[in-house]
Amino acid sequence: CTSCTAGCTGCGNCPNAVTCTNSENCVKALTCTGSTNCNRARTCTNSKDCFEAITCTGSSNCYTARTCTNSTNCYKATTCTNSTGCPGH
């Protein structure tokens, strides 16, 4: 799956995919669902390492997310629902 550039589903290594679903190593993906290493993803759902996400749902390490739901490490979130690391919480 390393050659996937559009979308990856159920792949173990998707370094070039724009969209990841149930995949790993999605370092360039803009949208992640059930995936890992979503370092640049803008939208994360049930994913990990969403360091630059704007919206996080059920995800982890949402450092810059504005909206967090059921997520962790939402240090800059303005809307937090059942999440951790939110400002003022």
C-alpha atoms as a PDB file:
ATOM      1  CA  CYS A   1       0.000   0.000   0.000  1.00  0.00           C
ATOM      2  CA  THR A   2       2.982   2.330   0.046  1.00  0.00           C
ATOM      3  CA  SER A   3       2.081   3.475  -3.457  1.00  0.00           C
ATOM      4  CA  CYS A   4      -1.479   4.519  -2.512  1.00  0.00           C
ATOM      5  CA  THR A   5      -1.759   8.255  -3.056  1.00  0.00           C
ATOM      6  CA  ALA A   6      -5.526   8.778  -2.950  1.00  0.00           C
ATOM      7  CA  GLY A   7      -7.029   6.504  -0.327  1.00  0.00           C
ATOM      8  CA  CYS A   8      -5.883   3.578   1.782  1.00  0.00           C
ATOM      9  CA  THR A   9      -8.186   1.118   3.520  1.00  0.00           C
ATOM     10  CA  GLY A  10      -6.875  -1.567   5.834  1.00  0.00           C
ATOM     11  CA  CYS A  11      -3.252  -1.033   4.892  1.00  0.00           C
ATOM     12  CA  GLY A  12      -0.191  -1.360   7.069  1.00  0.00           C
ATOM     13  CA  ASN A  13       1.896   1.397   5.549  1.00  0.00           C
ATOM     14  CA  CYS A  14       0.325   4.412   3.800  1.00  0.00           C
ATOM     15  CA  PRO A  15       2.931   7.182   3.812  1.00  0.00           C
ATOM     16  CA  ASN A  16       1.530   8.889   0.708  1.00  0.00           C
ATOM     17  CA  ALA A  17      -2.242   8.465   1.042  1.00  0.00           C
ATOM     18  CA  VAL A  18      -4.489  11.524   1.323  1.00  0.00           C
ATOM     19  CA  THR A  19      -7.234   9.551   3.073  1.00  0.00           C
ATOM     20  CA  CYS A  20      -6.698   6.676   5.504  1.00  0.00           C
ATOM     21  CA  THR A  21      -9.237   4.191   6.838  1.00  0.00           C
ATOM     22  CA  ASN A  22      -8.162   1.503   9.301  1.00  0.00           C
ATOM     23  CA  SER A  23      -4.587   1.960   8.168  1.00  0.00           C
ATOM     24  CA  GLU A  24      -1.182   2.682   9.660  1.00  0.00           C
ATOM     25  CA  ASN A  25       1.605   5.177   9.093  1.00  0.00           C
ATOM     26  CA  CYS A  26      -0.670   7.778   7.463  1.00  0.00           C
ATOM     27  CA  VAL A  27       1.865  10.568   7.805  1.00  0.00           C
ATOM     28  CA  LYS A  28       0.530  12.652   4.900  1.00  0.00           C
ATOM     29  CA  ALA A  29      -3.182  11.888   5.153  1.00  0.00           C
ATOM     30  CA  LEU A  30      -5.571  14.810   5.552  1.00  0.00           C
ATOM     31  CA  THR A  31      -8.423  12.615   6.766  1.00  0.00           C
ATOM     32  CA  CYS A  32      -7.953   9.665   9.113  1.00  0.00           C
ATOM     33  CA  THR A  33     -10.468   7.113  10.331  1.00  0.00           C
ATOM     34  CA  GLY A  34      -9.328   4.302  12.605  1.00  0.00           C
ATOM     35  CA  SER A  35      -5.730   4.934  11.628  1.00  0.00           C
ATOM     36  CA  THR A  36      -2.336   5.696  13.154  1.00  0.00           C
ATOM     37  CA  ASN A  37       0.456   8.218  12.692  1.00  0.00           C
ATOM     38  CA  CYS A  38      -1.983  10.806  11.313  1.00  0.00           C
ATOM     39  CA  ASN A  39       0.553  13.566  11.871  1.00  0.00           C
ATOM     40  CA  ARG A  40      -0.903  16.021   9.348  1.00  0.00           C
ATOM     41  CA  ALA A  41      -4.552  14.986   9.271  1.00  0.00           C
ATOM     42  CA  ARG A  42      -7.089  17.797   9.587  1.00  0.00           C
ATOM     43  CA  THR A  43      -9.918  15.475  10.572  1.00  0.00           C
ATOM     44  CA  CYS A  44      -9.358  12.476  12.830  1.00  0.00           C
ATOM     45  CA  THR A  45     -11.883   9.845  13.837  1.00  0.00           C
ATOM     46  CA  ASN A  46     -10.818   7.003  16.122  1.00  0.00           C
ATOM     47  CA  SER A  47      -7.224   7.648  15.143  1.00  0.00           C
ATOM     48  CA  LYS A  48      -3.875   8.227  16.822  1.00  0.00           C
ATOM     49  CA  ASP A  49      -1.188  10.897  16.711  1.00  0.00           C
ATOM     50  CA  CYS A  50      -3.441  13.601  15.230  1.00  0.00           C
ATOM     51  CA  PHE A  51      -0.977  16.366  16.050  1.00  0.00           C
ATOM     52  CA  GLU A  52      -2.337  18.934  13.555  1.00  0.00           C
ATOM     53  CA  ALA A  53      -6.012  17.977  13.475  1.00  0.00           C
ATOM     54  CA  ILE A  54      -8.740  20.602  13.586  1.00  0.00           C
ATOM     55  CA  THR A  55     -11.464  18.137  14.525  1.00  0.00           C
ATOM     56  CA  CYS A  56     -10.863  15.057  16.672  1.00  0.00           C
ATOM     57  CA  THR A  57     -13.370  12.365  17.544  1.00  0.00           C
ATOM     58  CA  GLY A  58     -12.254   9.388  19.604  1.00  0.00           C
ATOM     59  CA  SER A  59      -8.643  10.200  18.805  1.00  0.00           C
ATOM     60  CA  SER A  60      -5.375  10.817  20.619  1.00  0.00           C
ATOM     61  CA  ASN A  61      -2.711  13.509  20.748  1.00  0.00           C
ATOM     62  CA  CYS A  62      -5.007  16.165  19.237  1.00  0.00           C
ATOM     63  CA  TYR A  63      -2.627  18.974  20.180  1.00  0.00           C
ATOM     64  CA  THR A  64      -4.023  21.678  17.899  1.00  0.00           C
ATOM     65  CA  ALA A  65      -7.627  20.517  17.516  1.00  0.00           C
ATOM     66  CA  ARG A  66     -10.338  23.145  17.921  1.00  0.00           C
ATOM     67  CA  THR A  67     -13.084  20.584  18.494  1.00  0.00           C
ATOM     68  CA  CYS A  68     -12.507  17.446  20.553  1.00  0.00           C
ATOM     69  CA  THR A  69     -14.956  14.659  21.300  1.00  0.00           C
ATOM     70  CA  ASN A  70     -13.882  11.586  23.269  1.00  0.00           C
ATOM     71  CA  SER A  71     -10.264  12.493  22.577  1.00  0.00           C
ATOM     72  CA  THR A  72      -7.027  13.108  24.462  1.00  0.00           C
ATOM     73  CA  ASN A  73      -4.404  15.846  24.726  1.00  0.00           C
ATOM     74  CA  CYS A  74      -6.698  18.549  23.316  1.00  0.00           C
ATOM     75  CA  TYR A  75      -4.534  21.410  24.537  1.00  0.00           C
ATOM     76  CA  LYS A  76      -6.023  24.125  22.299  1.00  0.00           C
ATOM     77  CA  ALA A  77      -9.606  22.967  21.903  1.00  0.00           C
ATOM     78  CA  THR A  78     -12.383  25.536  22.201  1.00  0.00           C
ATOM     79  CA  THR A  79     -15.070  22.869  22.231  1.00  0.00           C
ATOM     80  CA  CYS A  80     -14.396  19.837  24.400  1.00  0.00           C
ATOM     81  CA  THR A  81     -16.738  16.929  24.975  1.00  0.00           C
ATOM     82  CA  ASN A  82     -15.609  14.061  27.183  1.00  0.00           C
ATOM     83  CA  SER A  83     -11.976  14.783  26.340  1.00  0.00           C
ATOM     84  CA  THR A  84      -8.737  15.368  28.239  1.00  0.00           C
ATOM     85  CA  GLY A  85      -6.099  18.071  28.215  1.00  0.00           C
ATOM     86  CA  CYS A  86      -8.605  20.781  27.320  1.00  0.00           C
ATOM     87  CA  PRO A  87      -7.863  24.384  28.380  1.00  0.00           C
ATOM     88  CA  GLY A  88      -9.599  25.319  31.606  1.00  0.00           C
ATOM     89  CA  HIS A  89     -10.397  21.728  32.548  1.00  0.00           C
END
